[in-house]
Protein backbone atom coordinates (compact mmCIF):
# COMPACT_ATOMS: atom_id res chain seq x y z
CA MET A 1 -12.11 32.76 17.74
CA SER A 2 -8.85 31.54 19.22
CA ALA A 3 -5.41 31.51 17.66
CA HIS A 4 -2.82 28.84 18.41
CA PRO A 5 0.95 28.49 17.94
CA SER A 6 2.20 26.83 14.78
CA ARG A 7 3.76 24.08 16.89
CA PRO A 8 1.42 22.38 19.35
CA ALA A 9 1.94 22.99 23.04
CA PRO A 10 -0.12 21.72 25.96
CA LEU A 11 -2.67 24.24 27.17
CA PRO A 12 -2.79 24.04 30.98
CA HIS A 13 -6.06 23.28 32.68
CA SER A 14 -5.51 21.07 35.69
CA PRO A 15 -2.60 19.20 37.22
CA SER A 16 -3.93 15.94 35.85
CA ALA A 17 -5.06 16.72 32.29
CA THR A 18 -3.67 18.57 29.29
CA VAL A 19 -5.21 19.99 26.13
CA THR A 20 -3.28 20.25 22.86
CA VAL A 21 -4.73 21.97 19.79
CA PHE A 22 -3.13 20.93 16.51
CA ALA A 23 -3.87 24.09 14.56
CA SER A 24 -1.97 27.03 13.11
CA PRO A 25 -2.70 30.74 13.63
CA SER A 26 -4.49 30.85 10.27
CA SER A 27 -6.87 28.02 11.21
CA TRP A 28 -10.50 28.70 12.11
CA ILE A 29 -10.89 27.42 15.68
CA GLU A 30 -13.87 28.59 17.71
CA SER A 31 -13.18 29.58 21.28
CA ASP A 32 -16.34 27.69 22.32
CA ALA A 33 -14.81 24.48 20.96
CA VAL A 34 -11.58 25.05 22.89
CA ALA A 35 -13.65 25.78 26.01
CA GLN A 36 -15.38 22.41 25.55
CA CYS A 37 -11.97 20.74 25.41
CA HIS A 38 -11.11 22.27 28.77
CA GLN A 39 -14.45 21.20 30.20
CA VAL A 40 -13.67 17.63 29.15
CA ALA A 41 -10.17 17.93 30.63
CA ALA A 42 -11.76 18.78 33.99
CA LEU A 43 -13.62 15.46 34.18
CA ASP A 44 -12.47 12.89 36.70
CA GLY A 45 -9.79 10.60 35.34
CA MET A 46 -8.99 12.65 32.23
CA ILE A 47 -5.40 12.47 31.01
CA HIS A 48 -5.09 14.30 27.68
CA VAL A 49 -7.31 15.97 25.08
CA ALA A 50 -5.92 16.22 21.54
CA ALA A 51 -7.89 18.63 19.37
CA MET A 52 -7.65 18.34 15.60
CA PRO A 53 -7.71 21.28 13.12
CA ASP A 54 -11.32 20.45 12.22
CA LEU A 55 -12.36 21.07 15.86
CA HIS A 56 -15.80 22.59 16.38
CA PRO A 57 -18.40 22.63 19.18
CA GLY A 58 -20.61 19.60 19.66
CA LYS A 59 -23.43 18.51 21.95
CA GLY A 60 -21.80 17.90 25.31
CA ALA A 61 -18.31 17.39 23.91
CA PRO A 62 -16.17 18.86 21.13
CA ILE A 63 -16.18 17.32 17.65
CA GLY A 64 -12.75 16.74 16.21
CA ALA A 65 -11.07 15.56 19.41
CA ALA A 66 -9.40 12.45 20.82
CA MET A 67 -9.57 12.15 24.61
CA THR A 68 -7.80 9.74 26.96
CA SER A 69 -9.02 8.88 30.44
CA THR A 70 -8.84 6.22 33.09
CA VAL A 71 -12.66 6.35 33.05
CA LEU A 72 -14.98 5.45 30.17
CA TYR A 73 -17.39 8.31 29.32
CA PRO A 74 -20.05 7.30 26.74
CA HIS A 75 -20.98 10.93 26.03
CA LEU A 76 -17.44 11.56 24.74
CA VAL A 77 -18.22 9.14 21.90
CA GLY A 78 -21.71 10.51 21.36
CA SER A 79 -24.82 9.01 19.86
CA ASP A 80 -23.60 8.00 16.41
CA ILE A 81 -21.31 5.21 17.55
CA GLY A 82 -19.61 3.58 14.57
CA CYS A 83 -19.82 6.57 12.24
CA GLY A 84 -16.97 6.47 9.77
CA ILE A 85 -15.81 6.83 6.19
CA ALA A 86 -15.03 4.01 3.77
CA VAL A 87 -13.54 4.13 0.27
CA PHE A 88 -14.37 1.54 -2.40
CA PRO A 89 -12.80 1.32 -5.88
CA ILE A 90 -15.37 1.26 -8.69
CA ARG A 91 -14.89 0.70 -12.40
CA LEU A 92 -17.22 2.38 -14.89
CA LYS A 93 -16.91 2.70 -18.65
CA ARG A 94 -17.93 6.34 -18.64
CA ALA A 95 -18.40 8.77 -15.77
CA VAL A 96 -20.93 11.35 -16.93
CA PRO A 97 -22.32 12.93 -13.72
CA GLU A 98 -25.78 13.71 -15.13
CA LYS A 99 -26.35 10.14 -16.33
CA LEU A 100 -24.94 8.52 -13.19
CA ALA A 101 -26.91 10.76 -10.83
CA ALA A 102 -30.13 9.56 -12.46
CA ARG A 103 -29.16 5.95 -11.73
CA PHE A 104 -28.34 6.29 -8.03
CA PRO A 105 -30.55 4.05 -5.86
CA ASP A 106 -32.87 5.37 -3.17
CA LEU A 107 -30.65 5.21 -0.10
CA ASP A 108 -33.50 6.43 2.10
CA ARG A 109 -35.28 3.12 1.58
CA ALA A 110 -34.00 0.51 4.01
CA LEU A 111 -33.21 -3.04 2.99
CA HIS A 112 -35.11 -5.81 4.76
CA PRO A 113 -33.78 -9.38 4.81
CA GLU A 114 -37.17 -10.84 3.88
CA GLN A 115 -38.74 -8.23 1.62
CA ASP A 116 -35.47 -7.62 -0.26
CA ALA A 117 -34.04 -11.11 -0.03
CA ASP A 118 -33.05 -11.12 -3.72
CA ASP A 119 -31.14 -7.82 -3.57
CA PRO A 120 -27.54 -8.57 -4.70
CA ALA A 121 -26.17 -6.09 -2.13
CA TRP A 122 -26.63 -8.77 0.54
CA ALA A 123 -23.45 -10.39 -0.72
CA ALA A 124 -21.65 -7.74 1.38
CA LEU A 125 -23.05 -9.36 4.54
CA ALA A 126 -20.89 -12.00 6.16
CA GLY A 127 -22.46 -13.55 9.23
CA GLU A 128 -25.24 -12.09 11.34
CA ILE A 129 -26.44 -8.49 11.35
CA PRO A 130 -24.82 -6.95 14.47
CA ALA A 131 -27.26 -6.55 17.37
CA GLY A 132 -30.03 -7.72 15.02
CA HIS A 133 -30.52 -4.03 14.17
CA LEU A 134 -32.66 -3.79 11.02
CA ASP A 135 -33.75 -0.15 11.28
CA GLY A 136 -32.24 1.92 8.49
CA LEU A 137 -30.15 -0.92 7.10
CA GLY A 138 -28.59 0.16 3.80
CA THR A 139 -29.51 3.83 4.26
CA VAL A 140 -27.24 6.87 4.52
CA GLY A 141 -28.98 9.03 7.13
CA ARG A 142 -29.04 12.80 7.46
CA GLY A 143 -26.70 15.54 8.61
CA ASN A 144 -23.25 15.42 7.05
CA HIS A 145 -23.58 11.79 5.92
CA PHE A 146 -23.24 11.10 2.20
CA VAL A 147 -22.33 8.64 -0.53
CA GLU A 148 -20.11 10.11 -3.22
CA LEU A 149 -18.81 8.97 -6.57
CA ALA A 150 -15.44 10.69 -6.87
CA ARG A 151 -12.43 10.72 -9.17
CA VAL A 152 -8.82 10.52 -8.02
CA ASP A 153 -7.45 13.90 -9.04
CA THR A 154 -3.84 14.21 -7.95
CA VAL A 155 -1.39 11.60 -6.70
CA LEU A 156 0.57 13.20 -3.86
CA ALA A 157 2.58 10.22 -2.59
CA ALA A 158 3.28 7.71 -5.35
CA GLU A 159 4.51 4.87 -3.14
CA HIS A 160 1.39 4.95 -0.96
CA ALA A 161 -0.92 5.32 -3.96
CA GLU A 162 0.70 2.30 -5.57
CA ARG A 163 0.25 0.34 -2.34
CA LEU A 164 -3.48 1.15 -2.47
CA ASP A 165 -3.61 0.50 -6.23
CA LEU A 166 -4.78 4.05 -6.94
CA ALA A 167 -3.90 6.23 -9.92
CA ALA A 168 -5.03 9.59 -11.21
CA GLY A 169 -8.36 9.25 -13.00
CA ASP A 170 -9.51 6.20 -11.01
CA LEU A 171 -13.06 6.26 -9.64
CA VAL A 172 -13.98 5.57 -6.03
CA LEU A 173 -17.12 5.49 -3.90
CA ILE A 174 -16.78 7.38 -0.63
CA VAL A 175 -19.35 6.37 2.00
CA HIS A 176 -19.82 8.38 5.21
CA SER A 177 -22.44 7.00 7.59
CA GLY A 178 -22.99 5.70 11.10
CA SER A 179 -25.09 3.22 13.04
CA ARG A 180 -28.54 4.60 12.09
CA GLY A 181 -30.17 4.76 15.51
CA LEU A 182 -28.33 1.88 17.17
CA GLY A 183 -25.68 4.10 18.74
CA GLU A 184 -28.31 6.59 19.82
CA ARG A 185 -30.24 3.80 21.55
CA ILE A 186 -27.08 2.71 23.38
CA LEU A 187 -26.24 6.24 24.55
CA ARG A 188 -29.81 6.95 25.63
CA ALA A 189 -29.90 3.80 27.76
CA HIS A 190 -26.81 5.11 29.55
CA THR A 191 -27.81 8.76 29.91
CA ASP A 192 -31.29 7.92 31.17
CA LEU A 193 -29.64 6.39 34.24
CA HIS A 194 -26.27 8.10 34.53
CA GLY A 195 -26.44 11.35 32.55
CA ALA A 196 -23.01 12.46 31.35
CA GLY A 197 -21.31 10.36 34.00
CA PRO A 198 -18.99 7.41 33.40
CA ALA A 199 -20.10 3.93 32.43
CA PRO A 200 -20.59 1.86 35.62
CA ASP A 201 -20.06 -1.31 33.59
CA PRO A 202 -17.41 -0.53 30.96
CA ALA A 203 -17.36 -4.10 29.62
CA GLY A 204 -21.13 -4.08 29.11
CA TYR A 205 -21.04 -0.73 27.33
CA LEU A 206 -18.12 -1.83 25.15
CA ALA A 207 -19.96 -4.98 24.05
CA MET A 208 -22.88 -2.89 22.77
CA HIS A 209 -20.52 -0.23 21.39
CA ASP A 210 -18.50 -2.79 19.43
CA ALA A 211 -21.69 -4.14 17.84
CA ALA A 212 -22.58 -0.60 16.69
CA VAL A 213 -19.11 -0.16 15.22
CA ARG A 214 -19.46 -3.41 13.26
CA TRP A 215 -22.97 -2.39 12.16
CA GLY A 216 -21.70 0.93 10.81
CA SER A 217 -19.02 -0.80 8.77
CA LEU A 218 -21.54 -3.32 7.41
CA ASN A 219 -23.90 -0.53 6.46
CA ARG A 220 -21.18 1.26 4.49
CA ARG A 221 -20.47 -1.97 2.59
CA LEU A 222 -24.17 -2.48 1.85
CA MET A 223 -24.58 1.05 0.49
CA ALA A 224 -21.47 0.80 -1.65
CA ALA A 225 -22.80 -2.46 -3.10
CA ARG A 226 -26.24 -0.94 -3.74
CA VAL A 227 -24.69 1.99 -5.62
CA ALA A 228 -22.25 -0.19 -7.57
CA HIS A 229 -25.03 -2.48 -8.79
CA ALA A 230 -27.23 0.50 -9.71
CA LEU A 231 -24.41 2.01 -11.77
CA GLY A 232 -23.69 -1.26 -13.54
CA ALA A 233 -20.43 -2.03 -11.74
CA GLU A 234 -19.18 -4.96 -9.71
CA PRO A 235 -18.89 -4.18 -5.98
CA ALA A 236 -15.35 -4.19 -4.61
CA ALA A 237 -13.89 -4.51 -1.14
CA SER A 238 -13.02 -1.29 0.66
CA ILE A 239 -9.46 0.01 0.62
CA VAL A 240 -10.22 2.31 3.57
CA ASP A 241 -12.82 1.96 6.33
CA GLU A 242 -12.10 3.90 9.50
CA CYS A 243 -14.57 4.76 12.23
CA HIS A 244 -14.25 8.21 13.83
CA ASN A 245 -16.82 7.92 16.67
CA LEU A 246 -15.61 5.21 19.03
CA VAL A 247 -13.71 4.34 22.18
CA GLU A 248 -10.94 1.80 22.59
CA LEU A 249 -8.89 0.51 25.48
CA ARG A 250 -5.30 1.42 24.60
CA ASP A 251 -2.25 1.08 26.83
CA GLY A 252 -4.51 0.60 29.81
CA VAL A 253 -6.58 3.78 29.32
CA TYR A 254 -9.74 4.62 27.41
CA LEU A 255 -9.17 6.52 24.17
CA HIS A 256 -12.39 8.29 23.14
CA ARG A 257 -12.69 9.66 19.62
CA LYS A 258 -15.49 12.01 18.61
CA GLY A 259 -15.03 13.15 15.04
CA ALA A 260 -11.41 11.99 15.04
CA ALA A 261 -10.05 9.10 12.99
CA PRO A 262 -7.51 6.51 14.16
CA GLY A 263 -4.11 7.76 13.07
CA ASP A 264 -1.77 4.97 14.16
CA GLY A 265 -0.52 3.72 10.82
CA ARG A 266 -3.95 3.76 9.15
CA ASP A 267 -5.09 5.03 5.76
CA VAL A 268 -7.82 7.62 6.32
CA LEU A 269 -10.12 9.54 3.98
CA ILE A 270 -10.45 13.10 5.32
CA ALA A 271 -13.61 14.45 3.75
CA GLY A 272 -13.89 17.91 2.23
CA THR A 273 -17.30 19.21 1.19
CA ARG A 274 -19.74 18.66 -1.67
CA GLY A 275 -17.85 21.28 -3.68
CA THR A 276 -14.22 20.74 -2.68
CA PRO A 277 -11.65 17.93 -2.80
CA SER A 278 -11.20 15.26 -0.17
CA TYR A 279 -7.84 13.78 0.80
CA LEU A 280 -6.81 10.19 1.39
CA VAL A 281 -3.85 10.23 3.76
CA ALA A 282 -1.45 7.81 5.39
CA ALA A 283 -1.71 8.65 9.07
CA HIS A 284 1.19 8.37 11.50
CA ALA A 285 0.05 10.27 14.57
CA GLY A 286 1.76 9.59 17.88
CA PRO A 287 0.79 9.84 21.55
CA ALA A 288 0.76 13.68 21.63
CA ALA A 289 -2.18 13.53 19.21
CA ASN A 290 -3.66 10.52 20.99
CA HIS A 291 -2.82 8.49 17.88
CA SER A 292 -5.58 10.34 15.96
CA VAL A 293 -6.13 12.65 12.99
CA ALA A 294 -8.92 14.87 11.66
CA HIS A 295 -11.95 13.27 10.02
CA GLY A 296 -13.05 16.11 7.73
CA ALA A 297 -13.10 19.82 7.04
CA GLY A 298 -15.10 20.57 10.20
CA ARG A 299 -18.02 22.95 10.45
CA LYS A 300 -17.38 26.69 10.40
CA MET A 301 -21.04 27.62 10.85
CA SER A 302 -23.85 26.15 12.90
CA ARG A 303 -26.69 24.65 10.87
CA ALA A 304 -28.90 27.61 11.74
CA ASP A 305 -26.26 30.11 10.56
CA ALA A 306 -25.56 28.11 7.42
CA LEU A 307 -29.28 28.06 6.58
CA ARG A 308 -29.71 31.78 7.17
CA ARG A 309 -26.57 32.90 5.37
CA GLY A 310 -26.90 30.34 2.63
CA LYS A 311 -30.35 31.48 1.61
CA ALA A 312 -29.01 35.01 1.26
CA LYS A 313 -25.96 33.94 -0.74
CA HIS A 314 -26.87 30.87 -2.80
CA THR A 315 -29.66 29.53 -4.95
CA VAL A 316 -30.77 25.91 -4.76
CA GLU A 317 -29.42 25.27 -8.24
CA GLU A 318 -26.01 26.66 -7.28
CA LEU A 319 -25.82 24.13 -4.48
CA ARG A 320 -27.00 21.23 -6.63
CA ARG A 321 -24.26 21.82 -9.22
CA THR A 322 -21.00 22.80 -7.62
CA ALA A 323 -18.17 24.97 -8.93
CA LEU A 324 -16.30 21.73 -9.68
CA GLY A 325 -19.10 20.65 -12.04
CA SER A 326 -20.26 17.89 -9.72
CA LEU A 327 -23.89 17.16 -8.92
CA VAL A 328 -25.52 16.95 -5.50
CA ILE A 329 -28.56 14.68 -5.15
CA CYS A 330 -30.60 16.19 -2.34
CA GLY A 331 -34.36 16.59 -2.25
CA GLU A 332 -34.34 18.54 1.02
CA ARG A 333 -33.78 22.24 0.43
CA GLN A 334 -32.91 22.97 4.06
CA LEU A 335 -30.23 20.27 4.09
CA LEU A 336 -28.70 21.72 0.92
CA PHE A 337 -28.11 25.03 2.68
CA GLU A 338 -27.01 23.47 5.97
CA GLU A 339 -24.41 21.38 4.14
CA ALA A 340 -23.23 24.08 1.71
CA PRO A 341 -19.44 24.11 1.18
CA THR A 342 -19.27 27.59 2.73
CA ALA A 343 -20.53 26.15 6.05
CA TYR A 344 -17.25 24.26 6.42
CA LYS A 345 -13.61 25.11 6.99
CA ARG A 346 -11.08 24.99 4.15
CA ILE A 347 -10.05 21.38 3.79
CA GLU A 348 -6.67 22.49 2.42
CA GLN A 349 -5.90 24.28 5.70
CA VAL A 350 -6.92 21.24 7.75
CA ILE A 351 -4.58 19.03 5.71
CA ALA A 352 -1.77 21.60 5.92
CA ASP A 353 -2.06 21.67 9.72
CA LEU A 354 -1.90 17.89 9.92
CA VAL A 355 1.17 17.85 7.66
CA ASP A 356 2.87 20.66 9.59
CA HIS A 357 2.45 18.68 12.80
CA ASP A 358 3.71 15.48 11.11
CA LEU A 359 0.47 13.58 11.64
CA VAL A 360 -0.25 12.55 8.04
CA THR A 361 1.22 12.09 4.58
CA PRO A 362 -1.31 13.06 1.86
CA VAL A 363 -1.61 10.22 -0.67
CA VAL A 364 -4.22 11.36 -3.22
CA SER A 365 -6.84 14.04 -3.57
CA THR A 366 -10.30 13.19 -4.90
CA VAL A 367 -12.89 15.45 -6.52
CA PRO A 368 -16.63 14.74 -6.37
CA LEU A 369 -18.65 13.79 -9.44
CA VAL A 370 -21.98 12.89 -7.79
CA THR A 371 -22.77 13.34 -4.09
CA TYR A 372 -25.88 11.67 -2.70
CA LYS A 373 -27.61 13.17 0.34
CA THR A 374 -31.34 12.39 -0.04
CA PRO A 375 -33.47 11.33 -3.02
CA ASP A 376 -34.47 14.14 -5.37
CA VAL A 377 -38.15 15.03 -5.15
CA GLY A 378 -40.03 13.45 -8.03
CA THR A 379 -37.72 10.47 -8.46
CA ARG A 380 -39.19 7.00 -8.69
CA GLY A 381 -37.96 6.18 -5.19
CA ASP A 382 -39.66 9.26 -3.78
CA ARG A 383 -42.95 8.39 -5.49
CA ASP A 384 -42.72 4.84 -4.17
CA ARG A 385 -42.36 6.11 -0.63
CA ARG A 386 -45.34 8.41 -1.04
CA ASP A 387 -47.41 5.48 -2.26
CA LYS A 388 -46.36 3.27 0.66
CA ARG A 389 -46.61 5.87 3.40
CA GLY A 390 -49.47 7.98 2.06
CA ARG A 391 -47.56 11.19 2.73
CA ARG A 392 -44.81 13.51 1.48
């Protein structure tokens, strides 16, 4: 564990790069994650690493960090290029979690342009499918990805909420997903030849990267449309859709974000957990934070620790119905424990740190009603997959 001053200050590493951790002494920041920030700062061409209060260790680079460099490093974006969170308004006559959970579509079953040509969700597609990538189209994926029906709980900044046409009691769909294998394919093509080194052809990498970012956004729209139609609602355009795994050329340098959302005048949904609120914020982060903000609560435990401790502390039923009364649709027992709310940091502390450092203005909080992870075992979608694949 590592404590940090209440006001951010650069942590020295080398004459050419700085590390700033935007966290208070009461925040849970692992020393291993801070060490990864310093390792990144030691790379050739690095300028500044801004670590968010949801910082935690990742594979090869910290998660919850925004990193500027004169050199483009694909591994600082990671494999899930285009991962992000979108928010879609949805209007329903009644929001009874038990009834709505039973109507959620099977978001493990991919859409195919020919086999599912009559699916109304295709109306969310405008133009071609980026990179022609059909694998996993319209599916949510694993890990911390989810689709959630939530209710606006508290309005925290009336003028911003009015701008977004949000009021207490409104319903929204929150969709967190990435590029479903496309980003992984792009990173693997680079690492097979260059390892963790820089991109020898930044323009070529960025062309593929940008397609993955567009694909991720399309996929979030498709899933929101699939859920809206299944629940008997009319799909709506997103009011928020921000990617938090990407790189951009800004002011002549490469700004890499891995688990950090753009914070330069954007509206961002900072996700809590299955059993806690999330917060939609108006972000106004400046250059000290690399124009970025946190993307979620951030893991407090590794998946292995969460599985081990969770099995000793929780039952499956406790994790499928949260303390808030919401329901979690998840047919994989291991994933339930790995993604338990106790495996994550306190979202309230993450938001407080961002506010204390003047990076965001909280607009509304949302509370989950139904959170979709994987189809429940025994559902019609699960039986269909068993019939088609001859397994499970």
